Amino acid sequence: MAILVAQHRVRDFGVWKSAFDDHEEARRSHGAVRHWLYRDAADPNDVVVAIEFPGPDAAREFLQDPSLAEAMSRGGVEGEPHVHIREEVEMMEYAPPPGIA
């Protein structure tokens, strides 16, 4: 598995989220398995997207899809995103300590 991680600034999170949601089929067509969205706690327009793909080649192909640039434009992405593609090395889930839900 590979994770594509992109951090970027958007003009309006709600507008960006709508464009992101509308682009789901393109992600799926490149093999996306799941995604995570994060925002800066102090600045909701500073967004991090992590998308899991079967491998790094699928993630790179997704980045080359012309529809991605169009979706980013519609979503109000400002400037160039900071993008990484990483392969999973290890995953560990931690059980909460007793008394913490």
PDB file of N, CA and C in Angstrom:
ATOM      1  N   MET A   1       0.836  -1.182   0.000  1.00  0.00           N
ATOM      2  CA  MET A   1       0.000   0.000   0.000  1.00  0.00           C
ATOM      3  C   MET A   1       0.881   1.246   0.000  1.00  0.00           C
ATOM      4  N   ALA A   2       0.330   2.305  -0.565  1.00  0.00           N
ATOM      5  CA  ALA A   2       1.014   3.598  -0.579  1.00  0.00           C
ATOM      6  C   ALA A   2       0.020   4.676  -0.167  1.00  0.00           C
ATOM      7  N   ILE A   3       0.548   5.693   0.484  1.00  0.00           N
ATOM      8  CA  ILE A   3      -0.269   6.819   0.915  1.00  0.00           C
ATOM      9  C   ILE A   3       0.217   8.059   0.194  1.00  0.00           C
ATOM     10  N   LEU A   4      -0.698   8.757  -0.463  1.00  0.00           N
ATOM     11  CA  LEU A   4      -0.421  10.063  -1.036  1.00  0.00           C
ATOM     12  C   LEU A   4      -0.871  11.078   0.008  1.00  0.00           C
ATOM     13  N   VAL A   5       0.027  11.940   0.432  1.00  0.00           N
ATOM     14  CA  VAL A   5      -0.292  12.964   1.426  1.00  0.00           C
ATOM     15  C   VAL A   5      -0.070  14.321   0.782  1.00  0.00           C
ATOM     16  N   ALA A   6      -1.096  15.154   0.817  1.00  0.00           N
ATOM     17  CA  ALA A   6      -1.004  16.504   0.251  1.00  0.00           C
ATOM     18  C   ALA A   6      -1.480  17.513   1.282  1.00  0.00           C
ATOM     19  N   GLN A   7      -0.680  18.552   1.483  1.00  0.00           N
ATOM     20  CA  GLN A   7      -1.054  19.657   2.362  1.00  0.00           C
ATOM     21  C   GLN A   7      -1.192  20.894   1.493  1.00  0.00           C
ATOM     22  N   HIS A   8      -2.310  21.601   1.663  1.00  0.00           N
ATOM     23  CA  HIS A   8      -2.491  22.836   0.918  1.00  0.00           C
ATOM     24  C   HIS A   8      -3.453  23.772   1.638  1.00  0.00           C
ATOM     25  N   ARG A   9      -3.408  25.000   1.219  1.00  0.00           N
ATOM     26  CA  ARG A   9      -4.290  26.034   1.751  1.00  0.00           C
ATOM     27  C   ARG A   9      -5.442  26.203   0.768  1.00  0.00           C
ATOM     28  N   VAL A  10      -6.648  26.403   1.306  1.00  0.00           N
ATOM     29  CA  VAL A  10      -7.834  26.631   0.478  1.00  0.00           C
ATOM     30  C   VAL A  10      -8.497  27.931   0.907  1.00  0.00           C
ATOM     31  N   ARG A  11      -9.236  28.530  -0.026  1.00  0.00           N
ATOM     32  CA  ARG A  11      -9.937  29.788   0.305  1.00  0.00           C
ATOM     33  C   ARG A  11     -11.086  29.561   1.274  1.00  0.00           C
ATOM     34  N   ASP A  12     -11.833  28.459   1.075  1.00  0.00           N
ATOM     35  CA  ASP A  12     -13.005  28.182   1.902  1.00  0.00           C
ATOM     36  C   ASP A  12     -13.141  26.666   2.020  1.00  0.00           C
ATOM     37  N   PHE A  13     -13.040  26.144   3.243  1.00  0.00           N
ATOM     38  CA  PHE A  13     -13.061  24.693   3.423  1.00  0.00           C
ATOM     39  C   PHE A  13     -14.340  24.066   2.855  1.00  0.00           C
ATOM     40  N   GLY A  14     -15.500  24.671   3.075  1.00  0.00           N
ATOM     41  CA  GLY A  14     -16.757  24.104   2.592  1.00  0.00           C
ATOM     42  C   GLY A  14     -16.777  23.958   1.071  1.00  0.00           C
ATOM     43  N   VAL A  15     -16.296  24.973   0.367  1.00  0.00           N
ATOM     44  CA  VAL A  15     -16.228  24.921  -1.105  1.00  0.00           C
ATOM     45  C   VAL A  15     -15.243  23.837  -1.525  1.00  0.00           C
ATOM     46  N   TRP A  16     -14.081  23.811  -0.862  1.00  0.00           N
ATOM     47  CA  TRP A  16     -13.078  22.794  -1.185  1.00  0.00           C
ATOM     48  C   TRP A  16     -13.628  21.387  -0.951  1.00  0.00           C
ATOM     49  N   LYS A  17     -14.294  21.176   0.189  1.00  0.00           N
ATOM     50  CA  LYS A  17     -14.821  19.843   0.528  1.00  0.00           C
ATOM     51  C   LYS A  17     -15.827  19.373  -0.506  1.00  0.00           C
ATOM     52  N   SER A  18     -16.660  20.278  -1.004  1.00  0.00           N
ATOM     53  CA  SER A  18     -17.632  19.919  -2.035  1.00  0.00           C
ATOM     54  C   SER A  18     -16.917  19.456  -3.314  1.00  0.00           C
ATOM     55  N   ALA A  19     -15.884  20.190  -3.715  1.00  0.00           N
ATOM     56  CA  ALA A  19     -15.124  19.798  -4.909  1.00  0.00           C
ATOM     57  C   ALA A  19     -14.405  18.471  -4.673  1.00  0.00           C
ATOM     58  N   PHE A  20     -13.877  18.266  -3.471  1.00  0.00           N
ATOM     59  CA  PHE A  20     -13.222  17.001  -3.123  1.00  0.00           C
ATOM     60  C   PHE A  20     -14.216  15.856  -3.229  1.00  0.00           C
ATOM     61  N   ASP A  21     -15.405  16.031  -2.656  1.00  0.00           N
ATOM     62  CA  ASP A  21     -16.436  14.983  -2.716  1.00  0.00           C
ATOM     63  C   ASP A  21     -16.837  14.673  -4.149  1.00  0.00           C
ATOM     64  N   ASP A  22     -16.960  15.706  -4.980  1.00  0.00           N
ATOM     65  CA  ASP A  22     -17.340  15.518  -6.380  1.00  0.00           C
ATOM     66  C   ASP A  22     -16.277  14.753  -7.172  1.00  0.00           C
ATOM     67  N   HIS A  23     -15.052  14.719  -6.674  1.00  0.00           N
ATOM     68  CA  HIS A  23     -13.940  14.083  -7.382  1.00  0.00           C
ATOM     69  C   HIS A  23     -13.731  12.623  -6.959  1.00  0.00           C
ATOM     70  N   GLU A  24     -14.649  12.075  -6.175  1.00  0.00           N
ATOM     71  CA  GLU A  24     -14.496  10.718  -5.640  1.00  0.00           C
ATOM     72  C   GLU A  24     -14.302   9.668  -6.729  1.00  0.00           C
ATOM     73  N   GLU A  25     -15.088   9.742  -7.777  1.00  0.00           N
ATOM     74  CA  GLU A  25     -15.010   8.703  -8.822  1.00  0.00           C
ATOM     75  C   GLU A  25     -13.619   8.674  -9.463  1.00  0.00           C
ATOM     76  N   ALA A  26     -12.999   9.827  -9.628  1.00  0.00           N
ATOM     77  CA  ALA A  26     -11.642   9.858 -10.193  1.00  0.00           C
ATOM     78  C   ALA A  26     -10.664   9.154  -9.262  1.00  0.00           C
ATOM     79  N   ARG A  27     -10.794   9.400  -7.957  1.00  0.00           N
ATOM     80  CA  ARG A  27      -9.922   8.707  -7.010  1.00  0.00           C
ATOM     81  C   ARG A  27     -10.131   7.195  -7.108  1.00  0.00           C
ATOM     82  N   ARG A  28     -11.389   6.787  -7.118  1.00  0.00           N
ATOM     83  CA  ARG A  28     -11.699   5.354  -7.212  1.00  0.00           C
ATOM     84  C   ARG A  28     -11.145   4.742  -8.504  1.00  0.00           C
ATOM     85  N   SER A  29     -11.237   5.474  -9.604  1.00  0.00           N
ATOM     86  CA  SER A  29     -10.780   4.939 -10.894  1.00  0.00           C
ATOM     87  C   SER A  29      -9.271   4.692 -10.919  1.00  0.00           C
ATOM     88  N   HIS A  30      -8.546   5.344 -10.025  1.00  0.00           N
ATOM     89  CA  HIS A  30      -7.096   5.126  -9.909  1.00  0.00           C
ATOM     90  C   HIS A  30      -6.761   4.149  -8.787  1.00  0.00           C
ATOM     91  N   GLY A  31      -7.789   3.529  -8.201  1.00  0.00           N
ATOM     92  CA  GLY A  31      -7.565   2.484  -7.219  1.00  0.00           C
ATOM     93  C   GLY A  31      -7.558   2.932  -5.772  1.00  0.00           C
ATOM     94  N   ALA A  32      -7.958   4.174  -5.508  1.00  0.00           N
ATOM     95  CA  ALA A  32      -7.971   4.649  -4.126  1.00  0.00           C
ATOM     96  C   ALA A  32      -8.791   3.704  -3.254  1.00  0.00           C
ATOM     97  N   VAL A  33      -8.263   3.420  -2.073  1.00  0.00           N
ATOM     98  CA  VAL A  33      -8.886   2.490  -1.145  1.00  0.00           C
ATOM     99  C   VAL A  33      -9.681   3.241  -0.084  1.00  0.00           C
ATOM    100  N   ARG A  34      -9.080   4.296   0.468  1.00  0.00           N
ATOM    101  CA  ARG A  34      -9.727   5.134   1.484  1.00  0.00           C
ATOM    102  C   ARG A  34      -8.949   6.436   1.607  1.00  0.00           C
ATOM    103  N   HIS A  35      -9.536   7.371   2.347  1.00  0.00           N
ATOM    104  CA  HIS A  35      -8.841   8.640   2.554  1.00  0.00           C
ATOM    105  C   HIS A  35      -9.093   9.168   3.965  1.00  0.00           C
ATOM    106  N   TRP A  36      -8.244  10.091   4.363  1.00  0.00           N
ATOM    107  CA  TRP A  36      -8.372  10.805   5.629  1.00  0.00           C
ATOM    108  C   TRP A  36      -8.238  12.293   5.317  1.00  0.00           C
ATOM    109  N   LEU A  37      -9.015  13.121   5.991  1.00  0.00           N
ATOM    110  CA  LEU A  37      -8.916  14.572   5.851  1.00  0.00           C
ATOM    111  C   LEU A  37      -8.599  15.157   7.222  1.00  0.00           C
ATOM    112  N   TYR A  38      -7.688  16.117   7.221  1.00  0.00           N
ATOM    113  CA  TYR A  38      -7.303  16.803   8.451  1.00  0.00           C
ATOM    114  C   TYR A  38      -7.279  18.303   8.190  1.00  0.00           C
ATOM    115  N   ARG A  39      -7.602  19.080   9.236  1.00  0.00           N
ATOM    116  CA  ARG A  39      -7.479  20.534   9.156  1.00  0.00           C
ATOM    117  C   ARG A  39      -6.657  21.005  10.348  1.00  0.00           C
ATOM    118  N   ASP A  40      -5.964  22.105  10.166  1.00  0.00           N
ATOM    119  CA  ASP A  40      -5.250  22.726  11.271  1.00  0.00           C
ATOM    120  C   ASP A  40      -6.283  23.189  12.297  1.00  0.00           C
ATOM    121  N   ALA A  41      -6.061  22.886  13.559  1.00  0.00           N
ATOM    122  CA  ALA A  41      -7.023  23.242  14.607  1.00  0.00           C
ATOM    123  C   ALA A  41      -7.241  24.744  14.705  1.00  0.00           C
ATOM    124  N   ALA A  42      -6.231  25.536  14.357  1.00  0.00           N
ATOM    125  CA  ALA A  42      -6.347  26.989  14.446  1.00  0.00           C
ATOM    126  C   ALA A  42      -6.706  27.639  13.112  1.00  0.00           C
ATOM    127  N   ASP A  43      -6.625  26.889  12.019  1.00  0.00           N
ATOM    128  CA  ASP A  43      -6.886  27.444  10.682  1.00  0.00           C
ATOM    129  C   ASP A  43      -7.574  26.385   9.823  1.00  0.00           C
ATOM    130  N   PRO A  44      -8.911  26.385   9.779  1.00  0.00           N
ATOM    131  CA  PRO A  44      -9.637  25.329   9.060  1.00  0.00           C
ATOM    132  C   PRO A  44      -9.409  25.323   7.543  1.00  0.00           C
ATOM    133  N   ASN A  45      -8.740  26.342   7.010  1.00  0.00           N
ATOM    134  CA  ASN A  45      -8.452  26.360   5.575  1.00  0.00           C
ATOM    135  C   ASN A  45      -7.060  25.825   5.241  1.00  0.00           C
ATOM    136  N   ASP A  46      -6.358  25.299   6.238  1.00  0.00           N
ATOM    137  CA  ASP A  46      -5.084  24.607   6.045  1.00  0.00           C
ATOM    138  C   ASP A  46      -5.404  23.121   6.126  1.00  0.00           C
ATOM    139  N   VAL A  47      -5.386  22.441   4.977  1.00  0.00           N
ATOM    140  CA  VAL A  47      -5.923  21.091   4.846  1.00  0.00           C
ATOM    141  C   VAL A  47      -4.823  20.082   4.513  1.00  0.00           C
ATOM    142  N   VAL A  48      -4.937  18.909   5.116  1.00  0.00           N
ATOM    143  CA  VAL A  48      -4.088  17.766   4.759  1.00  0.00           C
ATOM    144  C   VAL A  48      -5.010  16.641   4.312  1.00  0.00           C
ATOM    145  N   VAL A  49      -4.694  16.077   3.155  1.00  0.00           N
ATOM    146  CA  VAL A  49      -5.434  14.947   2.598  1.00  0.00           C
ATOM    147  C   VAL A  49      -4.477  13.769   2.513  1.00  0.00           C
ATOM    148  N   ALA A  50      -4.901  12.618   2.994  1.00  0.00           N
ATOM    149  CA  ALA A  50      -4.129  11.386   2.847  1.00  0.00           C
ATOM    150  C   ALA A  50      -5.021  10.376   2.131  1.00  0.00           C
ATOM    151  N   ILE A  51      -4.537   9.862   0.999  1.00  0.00           N
ATOM    152  CA  ILE A  51      -5.312   8.906   0.204  1.00  0.00           C
ATOM    153  C   ILE A  51      -4.487   7.637   0.050  1.00  0.00           C
ATOM    154  N   GLU A  52      -5.094   6.508   0.397  1.00  0.00           N
ATOM    155  CA  GLU A  52      -4.412   5.218   0.293  1.00  0.00           C
ATOM    156  C   GLU A  52      -4.666   4.615  -1.091  1.00  0.00           C
ATOM    157  N   PHE A  53      -3.583   4.198  -1.741  1.00  0.00           N
ATOM    158  CA  PHE A  53      -3.630   3.548  -3.048  1.00  0.00           C
ATOM    159  C   PHE A  53      -2.964   2.175  -2.946  1.00  0.00           C
ATOM    160  N   PRO A  54      -3.218   1.283  -3.908  1.00  0.00           N
ATOM    161  CA  PRO A  54      -2.598  -0.052  -3.875  1.00  0.00           C
ATOM    162  C   PRO A  54      -1.069  -0.001  -3.938  1.00  0.00           C
ATOM    163  N   GLY A  55      -0.524   1.027  -4.552  1.00  0.00           N
ATOM    164  CA  GLY A  55       0.929   1.158  -4.667  1.00  0.00           C
ATOM    165  C   GLY A  55       1.297   2.552  -5.138  1.00  0.00           C
ATOM    166  N   PRO A  56       2.595   2.884  -5.137  1.00  0.00           N
ATOM    167  CA  PRO A  56       3.028   4.220  -5.519  1.00  0.00           C
ATOM    168  C   PRO A  56       2.717   4.585  -6.970  1.00  0.00           C
ATOM    169  N   ASP A  57       2.735   3.604  -7.875  1.00  0.00           N
ATOM    170  CA  ASP A  57       2.429   3.912  -9.274  1.00  0.00           C
ATOM    171  C   ASP A  57       0.996   4.424  -9.429  1.00  0.00           C
ATOM    172  N   ALA A  58       0.054   3.814  -8.718  1.00  0.00           N
ATOM    173  CA  ALA A  58      -1.341   4.264  -8.787  1.00  0.00           C
ATOM    174  C   ALA A  58      -1.470   5.690  -8.246  1.00  0.00           C
ATOM    175  N   ALA A  59      -0.743   5.995  -7.185  1.00  0.00           N
ATOM    176  CA  ALA A  59      -0.780   7.350  -6.618  1.00  0.00           C
ATOM    177  C   ALA A  59      -0.203   8.357  -7.612  1.00  0.00           C
ATOM    178  N   ARG A  60       0.911   8.006  -8.253  1.00  0.00           N
ATOM    179  CA  ARG A  60       1.518   8.913  -9.247  1.00  0.00           C
ATOM    180  C   ARG A  60       0.596   9.113 -10.445  1.00  0.00           C
ATOM    181  N   GLU A  61      -0.063   8.043 -10.885  1.00  0.00           N
ATOM    182  CA  GLU A  61      -1.009   8.173 -12.005  1.00  0.00           C
ATOM    183  C   GLU A  61      -2.166   9.090 -11.633  1.00  0.00           C
ATOM    184  N   PHE A  62      -2.663   8.984 -10.413  1.00  0.00           N
ATOM    185  CA  PHE A  62      -3.719   9.872  -9.959  1.00  0.00           C
ATOM    186  C   PHE A  62      -3.258  11.332 -10.004  1.00  0.00           C
ATOM    187  N   LEU A  63      -2.030  11.591  -9.578  1.00  0.00           N
ATOM    188  CA  LEU A  63      -1.511  12.962  -9.600  1.00  0.00           C
ATOM    189  C   LEU A  63      -1.433  13.531 -11.014  1.00  0.00           C
ATOM    190  N   GLN A  64      -1.285  12.660 -12.020  1.00  0.00           N
ATOM    191  CA  GLN A  64      -1.190  13.098 -13.414  1.00  0.00           C
ATOM    192  C   GLN A  64      -2.552  13.269 -14.084  1.00  0.00           C
ATOM    193  N   ASP A  65      -3.619  12.838 -13.431  1.00  0.00           N
ATOM    194  CA  ASP A  65      -4.968  12.929 -14.008  1.00  0.00           C
ATOM    195  C   ASP A  65      -5.358  14.403 -14.158  1.00  0.00           C
ATOM    196  N   PRO A  66      -5.676  14.857 -15.383  1.00  0.00           N
ATOM    197  CA  PRO A  66      -6.049  16.256 -15.595  1.00  0.00           C
ATOM    198  C   PRO A  66      -7.246  16.705 -14.754  1.00  0.00           C
ATOM    199  N   SER A  67      -8.106  15.778 -14.389  1.00  0.00           N
ATOM    200  CA  SER A  67      -9.275  16.169 -13.604  1.00  0.00           C
ATOM    201  C   SER A  67      -8.887  16.620 -12.196  1.00  0.00           C
ATOM    202  N   LEU A  68      -7.710  16.203 -11.721  1.00  0.00           N
ATOM    203  CA  LEU A  68      -7.275  16.626 -10.388  1.00  0.00           C
ATOM    204  C   LEU A  68      -7.014  18.131 -10.362  1.00  0.00           C
ATOM    205  N   ALA A  69      -6.309  18.644 -11.355  1.00  0.00           N
ATOM    206  CA  ALA A  69      -6.044  20.088 -11.412  1.00  0.00           C
ATOM    207  C   ALA A  69      -7.346  20.875 -11.511  1.00  0.00           C
ATOM    208  N   GLU A  70      -8.297  20.353 -12.270  1.00  0.00           N
ATOM    209  CA  GLU A  70      -9.595  21.023 -12.393  1.00  0.00           C
ATOM    210  C   GLU A  70     -10.334  21.036 -11.058  1.00  0.00           C
ATOM    211  N   ALA A  71     -10.322  19.907 -10.341  1.00  0.00           N
ATOM    212  CA  ALA A  71     -10.993  19.827  -9.040  1.00  0.00           C
ATOM    213  C   ALA A  71     -10.328  20.760  -8.035  1.00  0.00           C
ATOM    214  N   MET A  72      -9.006  20.827  -8.060  1.00  0.00           N
ATOM    215  CA  MET A  72      -8.300  21.720  -7.142  1.00  0.00           C
ATOM    216  C   MET A  72      -8.631  23.180  -7.441  1.00  0.00           C
ATOM    217  N   SER A  73      -8.744  23.514  -8.702  1.00  0.00           N
ATOM    218  CA  SER A  73      -9.120  24.877  -9.077  1.00  0.00           C
ATOM    219  C   SER A  73     -10.534  25.208  -8.602  1.00  0.00           C
ATOM    220  N   ARG A  74     -11.477  24.298  -8.845  1.00  0.00           N
ATOM    221  CA  ARG A  74     -12.859  24.492  -8.386  1.00  0.00           C
ATOM    222  C   ARG A  74     -12.932  24.617  -6.869  1.00  0.00           C
ATOM    223  N   GLY A  75     -12.061  23.878  -6.184  1.00  0.00           N
ATOM    224  CA  GLY A  75     -12.071  23.871  -4.735  1.00  0.00           C
ATOM    225  C   GLY A  75     -11.360  25.053  -4.094  1.00  0.00           C
ATOM    226  N   GLY A  76     -10.723  25.890  -4.905  1.00  0.00           N
ATOM    227  CA  GLY A  76     -10.070  27.075  -4.355  1.00  0.00           C
ATOM    228  C   GLY A  76      -8.742  26.814  -3.681  1.00  0.00           C
ATOM    229  N   VAL A  77      -7.991  25.812  -4.173  1.00  0.00           N
ATOM    230  CA  VAL A  77      -6.663  25.557  -3.625  1.00  0.00           C
ATOM    231  C   VAL A  77      -5.763  26.735  -3.990  1.00  0.00           C
ATOM    232  N   GLU A  78      -5.067  27.244  -2.992  1.00  0.00           N
ATOM    233  CA  GLU A  78      -4.170  28.382  -3.189  1.00  0.00           C
ATOM    234  C   GLU A  78      -2.727  27.895  -3.236  1.00  0.00           C
ATOM    235  N   GLY A  79      -2.001  28.275  -4.276  1.00  0.00           N
ATOM    236  CA  GLY A  79      -0.601  27.886  -4.401  1.00  0.00           C
ATOM    237  C   GLY A  79      -0.446  26.418  -4.752  1.00  0.00           C
ATOM    238  N   GLU A  80       0.794  25.974  -4.685  1.00  0.00           N
ATOM    239  CA  GLU A  80       1.105  24.580  -4.997  1.00  0.00           C
ATOM    240  C   GLU A  80       0.992  23.731  -3.733  1.00  0.00           C
ATOM    241  N   PRO A  81       0.358  22.568  -3.825  1.00  0.00           N
ATOM    242  CA  PRO A  81       0.293  21.692  -2.653  1.00  0.00           C
ATOM    243  C   PRO A  81       1.666  21.084  -2.363  1.00  0.00           C
ATOM    244  N   HIS A  82       1.868  20.740  -1.118  1.00  0.00           N
ATOM    245  CA  HIS A  82       3.066  20.016  -0.696  1.00  0.00           C
ATOM    246  C   HIS A  82       2.670  18.537  -0.703  1.00  0.00           C
ATOM    247  N   VAL A  83       3.266  17.731  -1.616  1.00  0.00           N
ATOM    248  CA  VAL A  83       2.808  16.357  -1.846  1.00  0.00           C
ATOM    249  C   VAL A  83       3.926  15.352  -1.548  1.00  0.00           C
ATOM    250  N   HIS A  84       3.550  14.257  -0.889  1.00  0.00           N
ATOM    251  CA  HIS A  84       4.447  13.132  -0.627  1.00  0.00           C
ATOM    252  C   HIS A  84       3.720  11.848  -1.010  1.00  0.00           C
ATOM    253  N   ILE A  85       4.472  10.871  -1.485  1.00  0.00           N
ATOM    254  CA  ILE A  85       3.950   9.514  -1.646  1.00  0.00           C
ATOM    255  C   ILE A  85       4.834   8.628  -0.780  1.00  0.00           C
ATOM    256  N   ARG A  86       4.202   7.900   0.125  1.00  0.00           N
ATOM    257  CA  ARG A  86       4.927   7.056   1.063  1.00  0.00           C
ATOM    258  C   ARG A  86       4.382   5.636   1.022  1.00  0.00           C
ATOM    259  N   GLU A  87       5.275   4.659   1.166  1.00  0.00           N
ATOM    260  CA  GLU A  87       4.860   3.264   1.279  1.00  0.00           C
ATOM    261  C   GLU A  87       4.804   2.885   2.753  1.00  0.00           C
ATOM    262  N   GLU A  88       3.799   2.097   3.106  1.00  0.00           N
ATOM    263  CA  GLU A  88       3.634   1.682   4.497  1.00  0.00           C
ATOM    264  C   GLU A  88       4.748   0.743   4.909  1.00  0.00           C
ATOM    265  N   VAL A  89       5.304   1.013   6.065  1.00  0.00           N
ATOM    266  CA  VAL A  89       6.333   0.164   6.644  1.00  0.00           C
ATOM    267  C   VAL A  89       5.758  -0.610   7.821  1.00  0.00           C
ATOM    268  N   GLU A  90       4.951   0.073   8.612  1.00  0.00           N
ATOM    269  CA  GLU A  90       4.397  -0.553   9.800  1.00  0.00           C
ATOM    270  C   GLU A  90       3.124   0.177  10.186  1.00  0.00           C
ATOM    271  N   MET A  91       2.180  -0.579  10.756  1.00  0.00           N
ATOM    272  CA  MET A  91       0.953   0.003  11.294  1.00  0.00           C
ATOM    273  C   MET A  91       0.698  -0.652  12.632  1.00  0.00           C
ATOM    274  N   MET A  92       0.392   0.152  13.640  1.00  0.00           N
ATOM    275  CA  MET A  92       0.123  -0.352  14.979  1.00  0.00           C
ATOM    276  C   MET A  92      -1.070   0.399  15.535  1.00  0.00           C
ATOM    277  N   GLU A  93      -2.039  -0.348  16.032  1.00  0.00           N
ATOM    278  CA  GLU A  93      -3.177   0.281  16.704  1.00  0.00           C
ATOM    279  C   GLU A  93      -2.976   0.136  18.197  1.00  0.00           C
ATOM    280  N   TYR A  94      -3.256   1.217  18.912  1.00  0.00           N
ATOM    281  CA  TYR A  94      -3.093   1.229  20.358  1.00  0.00           C
ATOM    282  C   TYR A  94      -4.462   1.194  21.033  1.00  0.00           C
ATOM    283  N   ALA A  95      -4.609   0.316  21.985  1.00  0.00           N
ATOM    284  CA  ALA A  95      -5.823   0.283  22.788  1.00  0.00           C
ATOM    285  C   ALA A  95      -5.751   1.419  23.804  1.00  0.00           C
ATOM    286  N   PRO A  96      -6.863   2.092  24.055  1.00  0.00           N
ATOM    287  CA  PRO A  96      -6.812   3.172  25.046  1.00  0.00           C
ATOM    288  C   PRO A  96      -6.540   2.607  26.435  1.00  0.00           C
ATOM    289  N   PRO A  97      -5.844   3.376  27.263  1.00  0.00           N
ATOM    290  CA  PRO A  97      -5.621   2.917  28.638  1.00  0.00           C
ATOM    291  C   PRO A  97      -6.958   2.758  29.374  1.00  0.00           C
ATOM    292  N   PRO A  98      -6.994   1.948  30.399  1.00  0.00           N
ATOM    293  CA  PRO A  98      -8.235   1.783  31.167  1.00  0.00           C
ATOM    294  C   PRO A  98      -8.784   3.140  31.628  1.00  0.00           C
ATOM    295  N   GLY A  99     -10.076   3.313  31.465  1.00  0.00           N
ATOM    296  CA  GLY A  99     -10.725   4.543  31.901  1.00  0.00           C
ATOM    297  C   GLY A  99     -10.781   5.629  30.857  1.00  0.00           C
ATOM    298  N   ILE A 100     -10.148   5.421  29.695  1.00  0.00           N
ATOM    299  CA  ILE A 100     -10.197   6.406  28.605  1.00  0.00           C
ATOM    300  C   ILE A 100     -10.922   5.766  27.436  1.00  0.00           C
ATOM    301  N   ALA A 101     -11.988   6.406  27.007  1.00  0.00           N
ATOM    302  CA  ALA A 101     -12.784   5.849  25.904  1.00  0.00           C
ATOM    303  C   ALA A 101     -12.308   6.358  24.571  1.00  0.00           C
TER     304      ALA A 101
END
